[in-house]
Amino acid sequence: MAARRAARTSGMSDRRPGLPGHGFTLVELLVVIAIIGVLIGLLLPAVQSARESARRASCQQNIKQLAYGLHTYHDAKKSFPPHFSPGGQTGQTGVSWHCHVLPFIEHAALAARIDLKGQGYQNSPNQALGANRIVSFLCPSFSVDRSGSTLDAAAGQNAFTTHYYGNAGPVGVNPQTRRAYLTLPSSQGALACEGVLPLSPTVVASNPSVAAAVRIKDITDGTSKTLMHFEIAWKGLEESPATYRSWIRGICWNNDSNSSKNVKNAMNTVRYNGGSNFNEVSMGSNHPGGCGIAMADTSVRFLSADVDMNTVLLPLASRAGGEVTGAE
């Protein structure tokens, strides 16, 4: 017992009165907080970059799925989807090529409810089907997923939209032949003819009663050198008046092209002005540096925002112009 008391007494005598206990000083705490702040600052860009990489990969998978859907449609129907504009010579907006490929991208039940010869909106039965949100039609890096037009009302809200558009064809001059690319007149900007998914693949004087479509054999420039579809989902478009429409809507004779767009302007430059350029909104995306595209051979590429309009974009948009492109 005496030994224990001596030990306790000895232990107590080692503590010196007046000295601070164990802990951090204010300076040490500030240094730790500063280090944590620096680490978070270094980590956040890496996390954001990783998230964007995942979103871009998901977007490219959507583009690939649509490319496979278009080719499977071609295998079954012997052409890519046509764009039919019902209503005779007055012309109405028909349904989109997206509607045609639904059975080939795992949406057969929804496809069975669509009237492919009917109108895409204007109180047609097709209009209500725009209430269905199709994930593979939407880029995860862009926030707007609904139509900006109240004419696309479906289930009490505006219909869902798409961020992927068919290549209607180039507008401008063929840099190889110096010939103007073929277009149809329209009040919303020209309707290009020389792409893969136009209203009409040839110049016609009246609304075709039978919709014509492009076939793989018509792509004489080569499927690996011809643009099939691309993204239009870049910051600023959400501020434009009704840039986005229901994914159900197709193309109207002598008017609006909703599911395909002309290739006329550089990437991420031209927004819809609410008037006469609806068919000519620029391709582009919120992915840094460019946007996703699919070629007519189903290959998916990330096209740089810096590509030249005349030597790359216009030739890529033309299916049979004989151009030499610098996109290799």
Protein backbone atom coordinates (compact mmCIF):
# COMPACT_ATOMS: atom_id res chain seq x y z
CA MET A 1 0.00 0.00 0.00
CA ALA A 2 2.76 2.36 0.88
CA ALA A 3 4.42 1.61 -2.44
CA ARG A 4 1.21 2.45 -4.34
CA ARG A 5 0.79 5.71 -2.45
CA ALA A 6 4.37 6.57 -3.22
CA ALA A 7 3.85 5.85 -6.88
CA ARG A 8 0.69 8.01 -7.03
CA THR A 9 2.47 10.78 -5.19
CA SER A 10 5.39 10.51 -7.60
CA GLY A 11 3.01 10.63 -10.62
CA MET A 12 1.21 13.71 -9.43
CA SER A 13 4.43 15.54 -8.81
CA ASP A 14 5.31 15.22 -12.57
CA ARG A 15 2.48 17.63 -13.56
CA ARG A 16 3.66 21.20 -13.41
CA PRO A 17 1.07 23.72 -12.30
CA GLY A 18 0.43 26.62 -14.70
CA LEU A 19 1.37 24.79 -17.97
CA PRO A 20 -1.37 24.39 -20.65
CA GLY A 21 -2.95 20.97 -21.19
CA HIS A 22 -2.77 18.99 -24.43
CA GLY A 23 -4.64 20.61 -27.49
CA PHE A 24 -4.28 22.95 -30.49
CA THR A 25 -3.41 26.58 -30.36
CA LEU A 26 -5.42 29.09 -32.42
CA VAL A 27 -2.58 29.39 -34.92
CA GLU A 28 -2.45 25.62 -35.36
CA LEU A 29 -6.22 25.48 -35.95
CA LEU A 30 -6.00 28.23 -38.57
CA VAL A 31 -3.19 26.37 -40.35
CA VAL A 32 -5.23 23.15 -40.38
CA ILE A 33 -8.30 24.96 -41.72
CA ALA A 34 -6.18 26.59 -44.43
CA ILE A 35 -4.73 23.23 -45.46
CA ILE A 36 -8.21 21.67 -45.61
CA GLY A 37 -9.40 24.59 -47.75
CA VAL A 38 -6.50 24.14 -50.16
CA LEU A 39 -7.18 20.40 -50.40
CA ILE A 40 -10.86 20.99 -51.11
CA GLY A 41 -9.94 23.58 -53.74
CA LEU A 42 -7.67 21.05 -55.41
CA LEU A 43 -10.19 18.24 -55.11
CA LEU A 44 -13.34 19.97 -56.40
CA PRO A 45 -12.12 20.50 -60.00
CA ALA A 46 -11.07 16.85 -60.12
CA VAL A 47 -14.49 15.75 -58.87
CA GLN A 48 -16.26 18.04 -61.34
CA SER A 49 -14.04 16.79 -64.16
CA ALA A 50 -14.81 13.19 -63.24
CA ARG A 51 -18.53 13.92 -63.21
CA GLU A 52 -18.37 15.65 -66.59
CA SER A 53 -16.38 12.75 -68.02
CA ALA A 54 -19.13 10.41 -66.84
CA ARG A 55 -21.83 12.65 -68.33
CA ARG A 56 -19.97 12.89 -71.63
CA ALA A 57 -19.59 9.11 -71.76
CA SER A 58 -23.32 8.72 -71.07
CA CYS A 59 -24.13 11.26 -73.80
CA GLN A 60 -21.96 9.45 -76.32
CA GLN A 61 -23.68 6.21 -75.39
CA ASN A 62 -27.02 7.86 -76.21
CA ILE A 63 -25.66 8.98 -79.58
CA LYS A 64 -24.37 5.47 -80.25
CA GLN A 65 -27.72 3.91 -79.32
CA LEU A 66 -29.54 6.21 -81.74
CA ALA A 67 -27.00 5.38 -84.46
CA TYR A 68 -27.60 1.67 -83.98
CA GLY A 69 -31.35 2.30 -83.94
CA LEU A 70 -31.16 4.15 -87.26
CA HIS A 71 -29.13 1.36 -88.84
CA THR A 72 -31.41 -1.36 -87.50
CA TYR A 73 -34.32 0.59 -88.96
CA HIS A 74 -32.45 0.71 -92.29
CA ASP A 75 -31.92 -3.04 -92.16
CA ALA A 76 -35.64 -3.56 -91.64
CA LYS A 77 -37.03 -0.87 -93.99
CA LYS A 78 -34.21 -0.58 -96.56
CA SER A 79 -33.77 3.14 -95.91
CA PHE A 80 -33.29 5.59 -93.08
CA PRO A 81 -36.53 7.02 -91.60
CA PRO A 82 -38.50 9.34 -93.88
CA HIS A 83 -40.04 12.62 -92.82
CA PHE A 84 -43.67 12.77 -93.90
CA SER A 85 -45.46 16.13 -93.84
CA PRO A 86 -49.21 15.39 -93.82
CA GLY A 87 -51.89 17.80 -95.01
CA GLY A 88 -51.22 17.92 -98.74
CA GLN A 89 -49.91 21.17 -100.18
CA THR A 90 -50.71 23.17 -97.07
CA GLY A 91 -48.29 20.94 -95.16
CA GLN A 92 -48.39 19.99 -91.50
CA THR A 93 -45.63 19.00 -89.11
CA GLY A 94 -45.39 15.21 -89.10
CA VAL A 95 -43.60 12.98 -86.61
CA SER A 96 -39.85 12.81 -86.09
CA TRP A 97 -37.31 10.18 -87.03
CA HIS A 98 -37.05 9.58 -83.28
CA CYS A 99 -40.56 8.11 -83.43
CA HIS A 100 -39.50 5.71 -86.19
CA VAL A 101 -36.53 4.33 -84.28
CA LEU A 102 -38.36 3.72 -80.99
CA PRO A 103 -38.88 -0.02 -81.66
CA PHE A 104 -35.14 -0.39 -82.21
CA ILE A 105 -34.07 1.35 -78.99
CA GLU A 106 -36.20 -0.73 -76.61
CA HIS A 107 -39.40 1.34 -76.74
CA ALA A 108 -41.61 -0.90 -78.89
CA ALA A 109 -44.69 -0.47 -76.69
CA LEU A 110 -44.58 3.31 -77.02
CA ALA A 111 -43.86 3.07 -80.74
CA ALA A 112 -47.02 1.03 -81.24
CA ARG A 113 -49.10 4.00 -80.06
CA ILE A 114 -47.67 6.48 -82.60
CA ASP A 115 -49.40 7.23 -85.90
CA LEU A 116 -46.43 7.63 -88.25
CA LYS A 117 -48.64 9.27 -90.88
CA GLY A 118 -50.23 11.69 -88.44
CA GLN A 119 -49.33 15.14 -87.17
CA GLY A 120 -46.69 15.70 -84.54
CA TYR A 121 -48.78 18.14 -82.52
CA GLN A 122 -51.81 20.45 -83.02
CA ASN A 123 -54.04 18.31 -80.81
CA SER A 124 -53.30 15.09 -82.67
CA PRO A 125 -53.25 11.84 -80.67
CA ASN A 126 -49.48 11.82 -81.16
CA GLN A 127 -49.06 15.03 -79.20
CA ALA A 128 -49.96 13.48 -75.84
CA LEU A 129 -47.20 10.89 -76.20
CA GLY A 130 -44.63 13.67 -75.71
CA ALA A 131 -45.32 13.29 -71.98
CA ASN A 132 -42.95 10.31 -72.10
CA ARG A 133 -39.40 11.23 -71.11
CA ILE A 134 -36.90 9.21 -73.20
CA VAL A 135 -33.55 9.23 -71.39
CA SER A 136 -31.59 8.30 -74.52
CA PHE A 137 -32.88 11.47 -76.22
CA LEU A 138 -31.32 13.75 -73.58
CA CYS A 139 -27.76 14.84 -72.86
CA PRO A 140 -27.04 14.67 -69.10
CA SER A 141 -24.87 17.82 -69.29
CA PHE A 142 -27.81 20.02 -70.29
CA SER A 143 -30.63 20.89 -67.88
CA VAL A 144 -33.55 21.75 -70.20
CA ASP A 145 -35.52 18.59 -70.90
CA ARG A 146 -38.90 20.00 -72.00
CA SER A 147 -40.25 21.83 -75.01
CA GLY A 148 -40.33 25.60 -74.80
CA SER A 149 -43.58 25.73 -76.80
CA THR A 150 -46.99 25.70 -75.13
CA LEU A 151 -48.30 24.11 -78.34
CA ASP A 152 -46.62 20.91 -77.14
CA ALA A 153 -48.86 20.52 -74.09
CA ALA A 154 -48.91 16.93 -72.84
CA ALA A 155 -50.32 15.69 -69.53
CA GLY A 156 -50.64 19.23 -68.21
CA GLN A 157 -47.08 20.33 -69.03
CA ASN A 158 -44.99 21.00 -72.11
CA ALA A 159 -43.80 17.78 -73.71
CA PHE A 160 -40.32 16.40 -73.25
CA THR A 161 -37.76 17.30 -75.90
CA THR A 162 -34.62 15.84 -77.46
CA HIS A 163 -31.02 17.10 -77.61
CA TYR A 164 -30.03 14.98 -80.64
CA TYR A 165 -30.89 16.11 -84.15
CA GLY A 166 -30.60 14.56 -87.57
CA ASN A 167 -28.33 15.99 -90.24
CA ALA A 168 -30.67 17.56 -92.79
CA GLY A 169 -27.69 18.63 -94.88
CA PRO A 170 -25.34 21.55 -95.49
CA VAL A 171 -26.38 25.07 -96.48
CA GLY A 172 -23.81 27.07 -98.37
CA VAL A 173 -21.37 26.34 -101.18
CA ASN A 174 -19.60 23.05 -101.87
CA PRO A 175 -15.91 23.93 -101.42
CA GLN A 176 -14.93 21.29 -103.98
CA THR A 177 -17.31 22.06 -106.86
CA ARG A 178 -18.30 25.64 -105.92
CA ARG A 179 -21.91 24.57 -106.41
CA ALA A 180 -24.58 25.72 -103.95
CA TYR A 181 -25.91 22.86 -101.85
CA LEU A 182 -29.51 21.88 -102.61
CA THR A 183 -32.25 23.26 -100.36
CA LEU A 184 -36.02 23.77 -100.32
CA PRO A 185 -37.47 27.20 -99.49
CA SER A 186 -38.90 27.65 -96.03
CA SER A 187 -40.14 30.42 -93.79
CA GLN A 188 -37.95 29.15 -90.92
CA GLY A 189 -34.68 29.00 -92.84
CA ALA A 190 -34.03 26.69 -95.78
CA LEU A 191 -34.81 22.97 -95.65
CA ALA A 192 -31.52 21.31 -96.59
CA CYS A 193 -31.67 18.25 -98.85
CA GLU A 194 -28.19 16.74 -98.99
CA GLY A 195 -27.90 15.18 -95.54
CA VAL A 196 -28.99 11.81 -94.16
CA LEU A 197 -32.29 12.77 -92.46
CA PRO A 198 -33.89 15.60 -94.48
CA LEU A 199 -37.56 16.20 -95.35
CA SER A 200 -36.72 15.43 -98.97
CA PRO A 201 -33.40 14.14 -100.33
CA THR A 202 -34.06 15.94 -103.62
CA VAL A 203 -35.42 19.33 -104.65
CA VAL A 204 -39.17 19.03 -105.25
CA ALA A 205 -41.69 21.66 -106.30
CA SER A 206 -44.50 20.49 -104.01
CA ASN A 207 -45.07 18.59 -100.80
CA PRO A 208 -44.38 14.93 -101.60
CA SER A 209 -47.44 12.71 -101.11
CA VAL A 210 -45.07 9.80 -100.52
CA ALA A 211 -42.15 10.54 -98.22
CA ALA A 212 -38.75 9.75 -99.71
CA ALA A 213 -35.78 8.71 -97.59
CA VAL A 214 -32.02 8.37 -97.88
CA ARG A 215 -30.48 4.91 -98.30
CA ILE A 216 -26.95 3.85 -97.47
CA LYS A 217 -26.17 3.47 -101.16
CA ASP A 218 -27.03 7.17 -101.61
CA ILE A 219 -24.14 8.13 -99.32
CA THR A 220 -21.48 8.06 -102.00
CA ASP A 221 -19.05 10.19 -99.99
CA GLY A 222 -18.74 7.21 -97.64
CA THR A 223 -20.63 6.45 -94.45
CA SER A 224 -17.52 7.04 -92.33
CA LYS A 225 -17.24 10.55 -93.81
CA THR A 226 -20.87 11.62 -93.55
CA LEU A 227 -22.58 13.10 -90.51
CA MET A 228 -25.79 11.37 -89.41
CA HIS A 229 -26.85 13.15 -86.21
CA PHE A 230 -25.42 15.48 -83.59
CA GLU A 231 -25.99 17.30 -80.30
CA ILE A 232 -27.69 20.65 -79.90
CA ALA A 233 -27.48 21.25 -76.15
CA TRP A 234 -25.28 24.22 -75.33
CA LYS A 235 -25.58 26.96 -72.73
CA GLY A 236 -27.58 29.91 -74.00
CA LEU A 237 -30.19 27.95 -75.91
CA GLU A 238 -32.38 27.82 -72.82
CA GLU A 239 -32.66 31.61 -73.14
CA SER A 240 -33.91 31.47 -76.74
CA PRO A 241 -37.67 31.47 -77.38
CA ALA A 242 -38.88 27.89 -77.84
CA THR A 243 -35.68 26.48 -79.32
CA TYR A 244 -36.71 23.07 -78.05
CA ARG A 245 -39.87 21.33 -79.20
CA SER A 246 -41.47 17.97 -78.44
CA TRP A 247 -39.43 14.94 -79.49
CA ILE A 248 -42.56 13.83 -81.35
CA ARG A 249 -42.38 16.73 -83.85
CA GLY A 250 -40.80 16.15 -87.25
CA ILE A 251 -40.58 18.46 -90.28
CA CYS A 252 -43.23 20.59 -91.98
CA TRP A 253 -43.29 21.31 -95.70
CA ASN A 254 -42.07 24.86 -96.34
CA ASN A 255 -41.75 25.55 -92.63
CA ASP A 256 -40.14 24.22 -89.46
CA SER A 257 -37.65 21.39 -89.12
CA ASN A 258 -37.79 20.13 -85.55
CA SER A 259 -36.06 16.75 -85.58
CA SER A 260 -33.29 17.56 -88.08
CA LYS A 261 -31.27 20.72 -88.54
CA ASN A 262 -29.25 22.28 -91.31
CA VAL A 263 -25.49 22.50 -90.98
CA LYS A 264 -24.86 26.15 -91.79
CA ASN A 265 -23.25 27.78 -88.77
CA ALA A 266 -20.19 27.16 -86.61
CA MET A 267 -20.62 25.22 -83.38
CA ASN A 268 -22.17 27.00 -80.36
CA THR A 269 -22.73 30.27 -82.21
CA VAL A 270 -26.26 30.72 -83.58
CA ARG A 271 -29.37 30.56 -81.40
CA TYR A 272 -32.99 30.67 -82.50
CA ASN A 273 -34.03 34.29 -82.91
CA GLY A 274 -37.75 33.66 -82.70
CA GLY A 275 -38.12 34.32 -86.42
CA SER A 276 -36.59 32.87 -89.55
CA ASN A 277 -33.57 30.82 -88.43
CA PHE A 278 -35.21 27.96 -86.51
CA ASN A 279 -33.88 25.33 -88.92
CA GLU A 280 -30.31 26.63 -88.65
CA VAL A 281 -29.51 26.60 -84.92
CA SER A 282 -25.87 25.61 -84.37
CA MET A 283 -24.87 22.19 -83.20
CA GLY A 284 -22.93 22.17 -79.93
CA SER A 285 -22.92 20.99 -76.33
CA ASN A 286 -22.01 21.82 -72.75
CA HIS A 287 -19.11 19.36 -72.90
CA PRO A 288 -15.86 21.35 -72.89
CA GLY A 289 -14.24 21.66 -76.28
CA GLY A 290 -16.86 20.34 -78.69
CA CYS A 291 -19.87 18.08 -79.10
CA GLY A 292 -20.78 14.50 -79.83
CA ILE A 293 -21.69 13.39 -83.35
CA ALA A 294 -22.52 10.12 -85.07
CA MET A 295 -21.35 9.27 -88.54
CA ALA A 296 -23.44 7.28 -91.00
CA ASP A 297 -21.38 4.15 -90.26
CA THR A 298 -22.56 4.35 -86.58
CA SER A 299 -19.15 5.52 -85.31
CA VAL A 300 -19.36 8.17 -82.60
CA ARG A 301 -16.87 11.02 -82.44
CA PHE A 302 -16.26 14.09 -80.34
CA LEU A 303 -16.00 16.95 -82.82
CA SER A 304 -13.84 19.88 -81.78
CA ALA A 305 -15.52 23.27 -81.50
CA ASP A 306 -12.61 24.72 -83.50
CA VAL A 307 -13.25 22.75 -86.70
CA ASP A 308 -13.37 24.83 -89.86
CA MET A 309 -16.81 25.47 -91.30
CA ASN A 310 -15.92 25.15 -94.97
CA THR A 311 -13.27 22.43 -94.92
CA VAL A 312 -14.85 20.20 -92.26
CA LEU A 313 -18.46 20.86 -91.24
CA LEU A 314 -20.03 21.42 -94.65
CA PRO A 315 -18.28 18.42 -96.25
CA LEU A 316 -19.25 16.18 -93.30
CA ALA A 317 -22.90 17.23 -93.68
CA SER A 318 -22.98 16.38 -97.39
CA ARG A 319 -23.69 12.75 -98.31
CA ALA A 320 -22.71 12.89 -101.97
CA GLY A 321 -20.88 16.15 -102.67
CA GLY A 322 -17.49 14.63 -103.45
CA GLU A 323 -15.72 16.96 -101.02
CA VAL A 324 -12.33 16.31 -99.49
CA THR A 325 -12.69 16.83 -95.74
CA GLY A 326 -10.02 17.77 -93.25
CA ALA A 327 -11.72 15.84 -90.43
CA GLU A 328 -9.61 12.68 -90.75
